[in-house]
N, C-alpha and C. Protein backbone atom coordinates (compact mmCIF):
# COMPACT_ATOMS: atom_id res chain seq x y z
N MET A 1 70.84 60.45 -40.70
CA MET A 1 70.98 59.57 -41.85
C MET A 1 70.31 58.23 -41.55
N GLU A 2 69.50 57.76 -42.48
CA GLU A 2 68.79 56.49 -42.29
C GLU A 2 69.76 55.32 -42.41
N ALA A 3 69.57 54.33 -41.56
CA ALA A 3 70.43 53.14 -41.59
C ALA A 3 70.25 52.40 -42.91
N MET A 4 71.31 51.77 -43.35
CA MET A 4 71.26 51.01 -44.60
C MET A 4 70.41 49.76 -44.41
N LYS A 5 69.51 49.53 -45.35
CA LYS A 5 68.64 48.36 -45.27
C LYS A 5 69.45 47.09 -45.49
N ARG A 6 69.20 46.11 -44.65
CA ARG A 6 69.86 44.82 -44.76
C ARG A 6 68.95 43.90 -45.56
N THR A 7 69.54 43.02 -46.33
CA THR A 7 68.75 42.10 -47.13
C THR A 7 68.47 40.82 -46.35
N VAL A 8 67.48 40.10 -46.80
CA VAL A 8 67.14 38.81 -46.18
C VAL A 8 68.31 37.84 -46.35
N ASP A 9 68.98 37.88 -47.50
CA ASP A 9 70.15 37.01 -47.69
C ASP A 9 71.25 37.33 -46.68
N GLN A 10 71.46 38.61 -46.39
CA GLN A 10 72.44 38.99 -45.37
C GLN A 10 72.03 38.46 -44.00
N ALA A 11 70.74 38.54 -43.69
CA ALA A 11 70.24 38.02 -42.41
C ALA A 11 70.50 36.53 -42.30
N PHE A 12 70.24 35.80 -43.37
CA PHE A 12 70.46 34.35 -43.36
C PHE A 12 71.94 34.01 -43.19
N SER A 13 72.83 34.83 -43.75
CA SER A 13 74.27 34.61 -43.59
C SER A 13 74.72 34.91 -42.17
N ALA A 14 74.10 35.92 -41.54
CA ALA A 14 74.51 36.36 -40.20
C ALA A 14 73.93 35.50 -39.08
N ILE A 15 72.76 34.91 -39.31
CA ILE A 15 72.04 34.16 -38.25
C ILE A 15 71.97 32.69 -38.65
N SER A 16 72.71 31.86 -37.93
CA SER A 16 72.78 30.43 -38.24
C SER A 16 71.55 29.69 -37.71
N ARG A 17 70.82 29.05 -38.62
CA ARG A 17 69.65 28.25 -38.22
C ARG A 17 70.04 27.15 -37.23
N ARG A 18 71.20 26.57 -37.44
CA ARG A 18 71.69 25.46 -36.60
C ARG A 18 71.68 25.84 -35.11
N GLU A 19 72.02 27.09 -34.81
CA GLU A 19 72.11 27.54 -33.42
C GLU A 19 70.75 27.66 -32.74
N PHE A 20 69.68 27.51 -33.50
CA PHE A 20 68.33 27.64 -32.97
C PHE A 20 67.59 26.31 -32.97
N MET A 21 68.34 25.23 -33.14
CA MET A 21 67.74 23.91 -33.20
C MET A 21 68.17 23.08 -32.00
N PRO A 22 67.28 22.22 -31.49
CA PRO A 22 67.67 21.33 -30.40
C PRO A 22 68.80 20.40 -30.87
N PRO A 23 69.66 19.96 -29.96
CA PRO A 23 70.82 19.13 -30.34
C PRO A 23 70.45 17.92 -31.20
N GLU A 24 69.30 17.30 -30.89
CA GLU A 24 68.94 16.07 -31.60
C GLU A 24 68.54 16.27 -33.07
N VAL A 25 68.34 17.51 -33.49
CA VAL A 25 67.99 17.75 -34.91
C VAL A 25 68.96 18.71 -35.61
N LYS A 26 70.05 19.08 -34.95
CA LYS A 26 71.02 20.01 -35.57
C LYS A 26 71.56 19.50 -36.90
N GLU A 27 71.66 18.19 -37.04
CA GLU A 27 72.19 17.64 -38.30
C GLU A 27 71.26 17.92 -39.48
N LEU A 28 70.02 18.36 -39.21
CA LEU A 28 69.07 18.70 -40.26
C LEU A 28 69.12 20.18 -40.66
N ALA A 29 69.99 20.95 -40.03
CA ALA A 29 70.02 22.40 -40.22
C ALA A 29 70.22 22.82 -41.67
N ASP A 30 71.00 22.07 -42.41
CA ASP A 30 71.31 22.47 -43.79
C ASP A 30 70.31 21.94 -44.82
N PHE A 31 69.32 21.20 -44.36
CA PHE A 31 68.29 20.69 -45.26
C PHE A 31 67.15 21.69 -45.36
N ASP A 32 66.55 21.78 -46.52
CA ASP A 32 65.49 22.75 -46.75
C ASP A 32 64.13 22.15 -46.42
N HIS A 33 63.94 21.86 -45.13
CA HIS A 33 62.63 21.41 -44.65
C HIS A 33 62.48 21.76 -43.18
N ALA A 34 61.26 21.74 -42.72
CA ALA A 34 60.99 22.03 -41.31
C ALA A 34 61.56 20.91 -40.45
N ALA A 35 61.86 21.23 -39.19
CA ALA A 35 62.35 20.23 -38.25
C ALA A 35 61.67 20.47 -36.90
N GLY A 36 61.43 19.39 -36.19
CA GLY A 36 60.78 19.49 -34.88
C GLY A 36 61.67 20.15 -33.84
N ILE A 37 61.05 20.99 -33.01
CA ILE A 37 61.78 21.63 -31.90
C ILE A 37 61.16 21.25 -30.56
N GLY A 38 60.24 20.27 -30.59
CA GLY A 38 59.58 19.83 -29.37
C GLY A 38 58.23 20.50 -29.20
N TYR A 39 57.41 19.90 -28.33
CA TYR A 39 56.10 20.46 -27.96
C TYR A 39 55.16 20.58 -29.16
N GLY A 40 55.35 19.73 -30.17
CA GLY A 40 54.51 19.75 -31.36
C GLY A 40 54.79 20.91 -32.30
N GLN A 41 55.91 21.61 -32.11
CA GLN A 41 56.25 22.79 -32.91
C GLN A 41 57.45 22.51 -33.80
N THR A 42 57.65 23.37 -34.80
CA THR A 42 58.75 23.19 -35.74
C THR A 42 59.51 24.49 -35.97
N ILE A 43 60.72 24.34 -36.47
CA ILE A 43 61.47 25.45 -37.04
C ILE A 43 61.21 25.34 -38.54
N SER A 44 60.76 26.40 -39.15
CA SER A 44 60.24 26.35 -40.52
C SER A 44 61.32 26.11 -41.57
N GLN A 45 60.87 25.69 -42.73
CA GLN A 45 61.71 25.46 -43.89
C GLN A 45 62.39 26.77 -44.30
N PRO A 46 63.71 26.77 -44.50
CA PRO A 46 64.41 28.02 -44.82
C PRO A 46 63.87 28.77 -46.04
N THR A 47 63.54 28.08 -47.13
CA THR A 47 63.06 28.84 -48.30
C THR A 47 61.72 29.51 -48.01
N THR A 48 60.89 28.89 -47.21
CA THR A 48 59.60 29.49 -46.85
C THR A 48 59.83 30.73 -45.98
N VAL A 49 60.71 30.62 -45.00
CA VAL A 49 61.02 31.77 -44.14
C VAL A 49 61.59 32.91 -44.97
N LYS A 50 62.48 32.58 -45.89
CA LYS A 50 63.08 33.60 -46.75
C LYS A 50 62.02 34.33 -47.56
N ARG A 51 61.08 33.59 -48.13
CA ARG A 51 59.99 34.22 -48.89
C ARG A 51 59.15 35.12 -47.99
N MET A 52 58.78 34.60 -46.81
CA MET A 52 57.94 35.38 -45.90
C MET A 52 58.63 36.68 -45.49
N LEU A 53 59.93 36.61 -45.21
CA LEU A 53 60.66 37.81 -44.82
C LEU A 53 60.78 38.80 -45.97
N ASN A 54 60.95 38.29 -47.18
CA ASN A 54 60.98 39.20 -48.34
C ASN A 54 59.62 39.89 -48.52
N TRP A 55 58.52 39.14 -48.34
CA TRP A 55 57.19 39.74 -48.46
C TRP A 55 56.96 40.76 -47.33
N LEU A 56 57.47 40.46 -46.14
CA LEU A 56 57.28 41.34 -44.99
C LEU A 56 58.03 42.67 -45.17
N ASP A 57 59.21 42.61 -45.78
CA ASP A 57 59.97 43.82 -46.13
C ASP A 57 60.25 44.70 -44.90
N VAL A 58 60.94 44.12 -43.92
CA VAL A 58 61.29 44.85 -42.70
C VAL A 58 62.37 45.89 -43.03
N LYS A 59 62.17 47.09 -42.51
CA LYS A 59 63.11 48.18 -42.72
C LYS A 59 63.79 48.54 -41.39
N PRO A 60 65.01 49.09 -41.46
CA PRO A 60 65.70 49.48 -40.23
C PRO A 60 64.86 50.44 -39.39
N GLY A 61 64.88 50.20 -38.08
CA GLY A 61 64.18 51.07 -37.15
C GLY A 61 62.73 50.71 -36.92
N GLN A 62 62.22 49.70 -37.60
CA GLN A 62 60.81 49.34 -37.43
C GLN A 62 60.58 48.51 -36.18
N LYS A 63 59.33 48.59 -35.70
CA LYS A 63 58.88 47.75 -34.58
C LYS A 63 58.13 46.57 -35.18
N VAL A 64 58.56 45.35 -34.80
CA VAL A 64 58.06 44.12 -35.42
C VAL A 64 57.53 43.18 -34.34
N LEU A 65 56.45 42.49 -34.65
CA LEU A 65 55.89 41.45 -33.79
C LEU A 65 56.10 40.10 -34.46
N ASP A 66 56.68 39.15 -33.72
CA ASP A 66 56.91 37.79 -34.20
C ASP A 66 56.00 36.86 -33.39
N VAL A 67 54.92 36.40 -34.02
CA VAL A 67 53.93 35.56 -33.35
C VAL A 67 54.26 34.09 -33.61
N GLY A 68 54.43 33.32 -32.54
CA GLY A 68 54.83 31.92 -32.67
C GLY A 68 56.34 31.85 -32.86
N SER A 69 57.07 32.49 -31.96
CA SER A 69 58.52 32.65 -32.14
C SER A 69 59.31 31.37 -31.97
N GLY A 70 58.74 30.34 -31.36
CA GLY A 70 59.37 29.03 -31.30
C GLY A 70 60.80 29.07 -30.79
N SER A 71 61.74 28.65 -31.62
CA SER A 71 63.15 28.55 -31.23
C SER A 71 63.85 29.89 -31.19
N GLY A 72 63.21 30.95 -31.69
CA GLY A 72 63.82 32.26 -31.72
C GLY A 72 64.52 32.59 -33.02
N TRP A 73 64.55 31.66 -33.97
CA TRP A 73 65.27 31.89 -35.22
C TRP A 73 64.67 33.04 -36.02
N THR A 74 63.35 33.02 -36.22
CA THR A 74 62.75 34.11 -36.99
C THR A 74 62.88 35.43 -36.23
N THR A 75 62.83 35.39 -34.91
CA THR A 75 63.01 36.60 -34.11
C THR A 75 64.39 37.20 -34.37
N ALA A 76 65.42 36.34 -34.39
CA ALA A 76 66.78 36.82 -34.64
C ALA A 76 66.91 37.39 -36.05
N LEU A 77 66.30 36.73 -37.03
CA LEU A 77 66.34 37.24 -38.41
C LEU A 77 65.66 38.61 -38.48
N LEU A 78 64.51 38.73 -37.84
CA LEU A 78 63.78 40.00 -37.82
C LEU A 78 64.58 41.08 -37.10
N ALA A 79 65.21 40.72 -35.99
CA ALA A 79 66.01 41.69 -35.22
C ALA A 79 67.18 42.18 -36.06
N TYR A 80 67.80 41.30 -36.80
CA TYR A 80 68.89 41.68 -37.69
C TYR A 80 68.39 42.67 -38.74
N LEU A 81 67.25 42.36 -39.34
CA LEU A 81 66.69 43.22 -40.39
C LEU A 81 66.26 44.58 -39.84
N ALA A 82 65.71 44.61 -38.64
CA ALA A 82 65.24 45.86 -38.04
C ALA A 82 66.40 46.73 -37.56
N GLY A 83 67.54 46.13 -37.34
CA GLY A 83 68.72 46.88 -36.94
C GLY A 83 68.67 47.35 -35.50
N ALA A 84 69.74 48.01 -35.08
CA ALA A 84 69.90 48.42 -33.68
C ALA A 84 68.81 49.38 -33.22
N LYS A 85 68.26 50.17 -34.13
CA LYS A 85 67.21 51.12 -33.74
C LYS A 85 65.81 50.52 -33.84
N GLY A 86 65.71 49.30 -34.35
CA GLY A 86 64.44 48.60 -34.43
C GLY A 86 64.18 47.81 -33.16
N ARG A 87 62.98 47.25 -33.06
CA ARG A 87 62.61 46.47 -31.88
C ARG A 87 61.71 45.32 -32.32
N VAL A 88 61.99 44.12 -31.81
CA VAL A 88 61.17 42.95 -32.11
C VAL A 88 60.57 42.43 -30.82
N HIS A 89 59.26 42.21 -30.84
CA HIS A 89 58.56 41.57 -29.73
C HIS A 89 58.22 40.16 -30.18
N ALA A 90 58.79 39.16 -29.51
CA ALA A 90 58.56 37.76 -29.84
C ALA A 90 57.55 37.19 -28.85
N VAL A 91 56.53 36.52 -29.38
CA VAL A 91 55.48 35.96 -28.55
C VAL A 91 55.36 34.46 -28.83
N GLU A 92 55.35 33.68 -27.75
CA GLU A 92 55.25 32.23 -27.87
C GLU A 92 54.36 31.73 -26.74
N LEU A 93 53.50 30.76 -27.05
CA LEU A 93 52.57 30.22 -26.06
C LEU A 93 53.21 29.15 -25.17
N VAL A 94 54.11 28.35 -25.70
CA VAL A 94 54.71 27.25 -24.95
C VAL A 94 55.84 27.80 -24.06
N PRO A 95 55.70 27.75 -22.72
CA PRO A 95 56.69 28.35 -21.82
C PRO A 95 58.12 27.85 -22.06
N GLU A 96 58.27 26.56 -22.31
CA GLU A 96 59.60 26.00 -22.53
C GLU A 96 60.24 26.58 -23.80
N LEU A 97 59.42 26.88 -24.80
CA LEU A 97 59.95 27.47 -26.03
C LEU A 97 60.25 28.96 -25.86
N VAL A 98 59.53 29.64 -24.98
CA VAL A 98 59.87 31.03 -24.68
C VAL A 98 61.30 31.07 -24.14
N LYS A 99 61.61 30.20 -23.19
CA LYS A 99 62.96 30.14 -22.61
C LYS A 99 63.97 29.70 -23.65
N PHE A 100 63.66 28.68 -24.44
CA PHE A 100 64.56 28.16 -25.48
C PHE A 100 64.88 29.27 -26.49
N GLY A 101 63.86 29.98 -26.96
CA GLY A 101 64.05 31.06 -27.92
C GLY A 101 64.88 32.19 -27.33
N ARG A 102 64.56 32.59 -26.11
CA ARG A 102 65.30 33.67 -25.44
C ARG A 102 66.77 33.29 -25.28
N ASP A 103 67.04 32.06 -24.83
CA ASP A 103 68.42 31.60 -24.64
C ASP A 103 69.16 31.56 -25.98
N ASN A 104 68.50 31.06 -27.02
CA ASN A 104 69.13 31.01 -28.34
C ASN A 104 69.45 32.41 -28.84
N PHE A 105 68.51 33.33 -28.65
CA PHE A 105 68.70 34.70 -29.13
C PHE A 105 69.90 35.37 -28.47
N LYS A 106 70.11 35.11 -27.19
CA LYS A 106 71.23 35.72 -26.46
C LYS A 106 72.56 35.41 -27.13
N SER A 107 72.67 34.25 -27.77
CA SER A 107 73.93 33.85 -28.40
C SER A 107 74.24 34.64 -29.67
N THR A 108 73.29 35.43 -30.18
CA THR A 108 73.51 36.15 -31.43
C THR A 108 74.29 37.45 -31.24
N GLY A 109 74.31 37.97 -30.03
CA GLY A 109 74.94 39.27 -29.80
C GLY A 109 74.00 40.43 -30.10
N LEU A 110 72.80 40.14 -30.60
CA LEU A 110 71.80 41.18 -30.84
C LEU A 110 71.11 41.50 -29.52
N SER A 111 70.58 42.72 -29.41
CA SER A 111 69.94 43.09 -28.14
C SER A 111 68.61 43.82 -28.36
N ASN A 112 68.06 43.73 -29.57
CA ASN A 112 66.86 44.51 -29.89
C ASN A 112 65.59 43.68 -29.97
N ALA A 113 65.54 42.58 -29.21
CA ALA A 113 64.32 41.77 -29.17
C ALA A 113 64.01 41.40 -27.73
N VAL A 114 62.72 41.26 -27.46
CA VAL A 114 62.26 40.83 -26.15
C VAL A 114 61.26 39.70 -26.35
N PHE A 115 61.36 38.68 -25.50
CA PHE A 115 60.50 37.49 -25.61
C PHE A 115 59.41 37.54 -24.55
N HIS A 116 58.18 37.26 -24.98
CA HIS A 116 57.03 37.31 -24.09
C HIS A 116 56.31 35.96 -24.09
N GLN A 117 55.79 35.59 -22.93
CA GLN A 117 54.89 34.45 -22.81
C GLN A 117 53.52 34.90 -23.30
N ALA A 118 52.98 34.24 -24.30
CA ALA A 118 51.67 34.61 -24.83
C ALA A 118 50.61 34.41 -23.76
N GLY A 119 49.62 35.28 -23.80
CA GLY A 119 48.51 35.19 -22.87
C GLY A 119 47.23 34.82 -23.60
N LYS A 120 46.12 35.30 -23.10
CA LYS A 120 44.82 34.99 -23.69
C LYS A 120 44.58 35.75 -24.99
N GLN A 121 45.23 36.92 -25.16
CA GLN A 121 45.06 37.70 -26.38
C GLN A 121 46.10 37.29 -27.41
N LEU A 122 45.71 37.25 -28.67
CA LEU A 122 46.63 36.92 -29.75
C LEU A 122 47.55 38.11 -30.00
N GLY A 123 48.82 37.84 -30.19
CA GLY A 123 49.79 38.89 -30.44
C GLY A 123 50.32 39.45 -29.14
N TRP A 124 50.71 40.73 -29.17
CA TRP A 124 51.19 41.42 -27.97
C TRP A 124 50.69 42.86 -28.04
N PRO A 125 49.39 43.06 -27.72
CA PRO A 125 48.80 44.39 -27.86
C PRO A 125 49.45 45.45 -26.96
N GLN A 126 50.14 45.02 -25.91
CA GLN A 126 50.75 45.96 -24.98
C GLN A 126 51.75 46.89 -25.67
N ALA A 127 52.39 46.43 -26.76
CA ALA A 127 53.41 47.24 -27.44
C ALA A 127 52.93 47.73 -28.81
N ALA A 128 51.68 47.45 -29.16
CA ALA A 128 51.14 47.85 -30.46
C ALA A 128 51.07 49.37 -30.54
N PRO A 129 51.05 49.93 -31.73
CA PRO A 129 50.98 49.26 -33.03
C PRO A 129 52.37 48.91 -33.58
N TYR A 130 52.37 47.96 -34.51
CA TYR A 130 53.60 47.46 -35.13
C TYR A 130 53.67 47.87 -36.59
N ASP A 131 54.91 48.04 -37.06
CA ASP A 131 55.14 48.29 -38.48
C ASP A 131 54.99 47.00 -39.29
N ARG A 132 55.42 45.90 -38.68
CA ARG A 132 55.39 44.61 -39.35
C ARG A 132 55.00 43.53 -38.34
N ILE A 133 54.24 42.53 -38.82
CA ILE A 133 53.88 41.37 -37.99
C ILE A 133 54.12 40.11 -38.83
N LEU A 134 54.86 39.17 -38.24
CA LEU A 134 55.10 37.87 -38.87
C LEU A 134 54.45 36.80 -38.00
N VAL A 135 53.70 35.91 -38.62
CA VAL A 135 53.09 34.77 -37.92
C VAL A 135 53.66 33.50 -38.54
N SER A 136 54.15 32.60 -37.68
CA SER A 136 54.81 31.40 -38.17
C SER A 136 54.03 30.12 -37.90
N ALA A 137 52.71 30.24 -37.79
CA ALA A 137 51.83 29.09 -37.64
C ALA A 137 50.53 29.42 -38.36
N SER A 138 49.83 28.38 -38.79
CA SER A 138 48.65 28.57 -39.63
C SER A 138 47.37 28.78 -38.84
N ALA A 139 46.71 29.91 -39.13
CA ALA A 139 45.39 30.18 -38.58
C ALA A 139 44.33 29.66 -39.55
N THR A 140 43.12 29.48 -39.08
CA THR A 140 42.04 29.04 -39.96
C THR A 140 41.33 30.22 -40.60
N GLU A 141 41.48 31.40 -40.00
CA GLU A 141 40.91 32.63 -40.57
C GLU A 141 41.79 33.80 -40.13
N LEU A 142 41.68 34.90 -40.83
CA LEU A 142 42.50 36.07 -40.55
C LEU A 142 42.11 36.66 -39.19
N PRO A 143 43.05 36.71 -38.23
CA PRO A 143 42.73 37.23 -36.90
C PRO A 143 42.63 38.76 -36.90
N LYS A 144 41.45 39.27 -36.58
CA LYS A 144 41.23 40.72 -36.50
C LYS A 144 42.15 41.35 -35.46
N ALA A 145 42.45 40.61 -34.40
CA ALA A 145 43.31 41.14 -33.33
C ALA A 145 44.67 41.56 -33.87
N LEU A 146 45.19 40.83 -34.84
CA LEU A 146 46.50 41.18 -35.40
C LEU A 146 46.39 42.38 -36.34
N ILE A 147 45.31 42.46 -37.11
CA ILE A 147 45.10 43.64 -37.96
C ILE A 147 45.01 44.88 -37.07
N ASP A 148 44.33 44.76 -35.94
CA ASP A 148 44.18 45.88 -35.00
C ASP A 148 45.52 46.32 -34.42
N GLN A 149 46.49 45.40 -34.32
CA GLN A 149 47.79 45.72 -33.75
C GLN A 149 48.77 46.27 -34.79
N LEU A 150 48.33 46.36 -36.04
CA LEU A 150 49.18 46.82 -37.14
C LEU A 150 48.98 48.31 -37.39
N LYS A 151 50.08 49.03 -37.60
CA LYS A 151 50.00 50.45 -37.94
C LYS A 151 49.41 50.63 -39.33
N PRO A 152 48.80 51.77 -39.62
CA PRO A 152 48.43 52.07 -41.00
C PRO A 152 49.69 52.03 -41.87
N SER A 153 49.57 51.45 -43.04
CA SER A 153 50.67 51.20 -43.97
C SER A 153 51.59 50.08 -43.50
N GLY A 154 51.22 49.40 -42.41
CA GLY A 154 52.01 48.27 -41.92
C GLY A 154 51.70 47.01 -42.71
N LYS A 155 52.55 45.99 -42.53
CA LYS A 155 52.37 44.71 -43.23
C LYS A 155 52.32 43.55 -42.25
N LEU A 156 51.48 42.59 -42.60
CA LEU A 156 51.32 41.35 -41.85
C LEU A 156 51.50 40.21 -42.84
N VAL A 157 52.33 39.24 -42.49
CA VAL A 157 52.48 38.02 -43.29
C VAL A 157 52.08 36.86 -42.38
N ILE A 158 51.07 36.10 -42.84
CA ILE A 158 50.46 35.06 -41.99
C ILE A 158 49.97 33.89 -42.83
N PRO A 159 50.28 32.66 -42.40
CA PRO A 159 49.67 31.49 -43.05
C PRO A 159 48.20 31.37 -42.62
N ILE A 160 47.34 31.19 -43.60
CA ILE A 160 45.93 30.90 -43.35
C ILE A 160 45.61 29.63 -44.12
N ASN A 161 45.28 28.57 -43.39
CA ASN A 161 45.07 27.25 -43.99
C ASN A 161 46.29 26.88 -44.82
N TYR A 162 46.19 26.77 -46.15
CA TYR A 162 47.32 26.34 -46.97
C TYR A 162 47.88 27.46 -47.83
N ASP A 163 47.60 28.70 -47.45
CA ASP A 163 48.12 29.87 -48.16
C ASP A 163 48.91 30.73 -47.18
N ILE A 164 49.78 31.56 -47.73
CA ILE A 164 50.40 32.61 -46.94
C ILE A 164 49.84 33.92 -47.47
N LEU A 165 49.26 34.71 -46.57
CA LEU A 165 48.70 36.00 -46.96
C LEU A 165 49.69 37.11 -46.63
N GLU A 166 49.86 38.00 -47.60
CA GLU A 166 50.67 39.20 -47.43
C GLU A 166 49.68 40.36 -47.39
N ILE A 167 49.55 40.95 -46.22
CA ILE A 167 48.49 41.93 -45.98
C ILE A 167 49.09 43.30 -45.68
N THR A 168 48.63 44.30 -46.39
CA THR A 168 49.02 45.68 -46.12
C THR A 168 47.79 46.40 -45.59
N LYS A 169 47.95 47.05 -44.44
CA LYS A 169 46.86 47.82 -43.85
C LYS A 169 46.90 49.23 -44.42
N GLU A 170 45.85 49.59 -45.08
CA GLU A 170 45.75 50.92 -45.71
C GLU A 170 45.52 51.98 -44.63
N PRO A 171 45.88 53.25 -44.90
CA PRO A 171 45.71 54.31 -43.90
C PRO A 171 44.28 54.42 -43.35
N GLY A 172 43.26 54.11 -44.14
CA GLY A 172 41.88 54.17 -43.67
C GLY A 172 41.45 52.95 -42.88
N GLY A 173 42.33 51.93 -42.77
CA GLY A 173 42.00 50.73 -42.01
C GLY A 173 41.64 49.52 -42.85
N SER A 174 41.35 49.72 -44.15
CA SER A 174 41.06 48.57 -45.01
C SER A 174 42.37 47.82 -45.28
N THR A 175 42.25 46.63 -45.85
CA THR A 175 43.44 45.82 -46.11
C THR A 175 43.55 45.44 -47.58
N ASP A 176 44.78 45.38 -48.04
CA ASP A 176 45.09 44.89 -49.37
C ASP A 176 45.77 43.54 -49.16
N ILE A 177 45.24 42.48 -49.79
CA ILE A 177 45.73 41.13 -49.52
C ILE A 177 46.25 40.49 -50.80
N VAL A 178 47.48 39.96 -50.71
CA VAL A 178 48.06 39.15 -51.78
C VAL A 178 48.17 37.73 -51.24
N THR A 179 47.68 36.75 -51.99
CA THR A 179 47.68 35.35 -51.55
C THR A 179 48.78 34.57 -52.26
N HIS A 180 49.58 33.86 -51.48
CA HIS A 180 50.63 32.98 -51.98
C HIS A 180 50.22 31.55 -51.60
N PRO A 181 49.72 30.75 -52.55
CA PRO A 181 49.18 29.42 -52.23
C PRO A 181 50.24 28.33 -52.09
N GLY A 182 49.85 27.26 -51.37
CA GLY A 182 50.61 26.04 -51.36
C GLY A 182 51.61 25.87 -50.23
N TYR A 183 51.23 26.17 -48.99
CA TYR A 183 52.14 26.06 -47.86
C TYR A 183 51.47 25.29 -46.72
N VAL A 184 52.31 24.59 -45.92
CA VAL A 184 51.80 23.85 -44.77
C VAL A 184 52.58 24.30 -43.52
N PHE A 185 51.86 24.64 -42.46
CA PHE A 185 52.46 25.05 -41.20
C PHE A 185 51.78 24.31 -40.07
N VAL A 186 52.43 24.31 -38.90
CA VAL A 186 51.77 23.80 -37.70
C VAL A 186 50.62 24.77 -37.39
N PRO A 187 49.58 24.30 -36.70
CA PRO A 187 48.44 25.18 -36.39
C PRO A 187 48.82 26.29 -35.40
N LEU A 188 48.21 27.44 -35.56
CA LEU A 188 48.36 28.54 -34.63
C LEU A 188 47.59 28.19 -33.37
N ILE A 189 48.27 28.16 -32.24
CA ILE A 189 47.65 27.82 -30.96
C ILE A 189 47.20 29.12 -30.30
N THR A 190 45.94 29.20 -29.95
CA THR A 190 45.46 30.41 -29.29
C THR A 190 44.78 30.07 -27.97
C-alpha cells in the first residue's frame, strides 16, 4: 500500500522554522521574510518556500536533492514530505552551514536525510538520479548538471535571476518549463 501523501501545509505545521534559525534572528521566525543565517546566506521567506514545495510536488518514497540547504529547514520539510521511505540529499557549500543544518535536522526526529559538503560539481551526482530537485539560491542560467541528475518525469524547481522555474524532465530528455516571475534569492555559489 502506498504511503499517504503529506501536504505542504502539514509539513509547515510539523517543522518549525524557528528551530532552524540562529539565536540572534529567532524572533523573526514568524515574519514572512527571509532572515540571515550567517556567511552571506538566508533562510527563505515562508510563502516563497511554500510555493516552491507545492510546485515541486514531492511524493512519499521519492529521492530528493536539496541544493543550498543552508540551515536545514527546507531539507527537513522535504524529508517530511518524502516520508520514511523517501530520501533527501542536502548539499551546502559553506562548511559551517553543513554542520548547522545537520545539527538542526537531528532535532526533528526524522532520519531520512543526509547532509553533504558541496564539491566542485553542482548538486550531488553520486546519488543521482533524483525524482525531485529543489534549489534555494539564484543561478544566472539553468544548470545542465542538475537536469542531468534528474530522472525522466522528475521535477526541478530553481530560481534563475528573478524568476522561479518549474521544470519537468520529459522521458526523452527534453524539458517543459513553467516560469513564475518576481522573486529575489541569494546567488547560487558554485
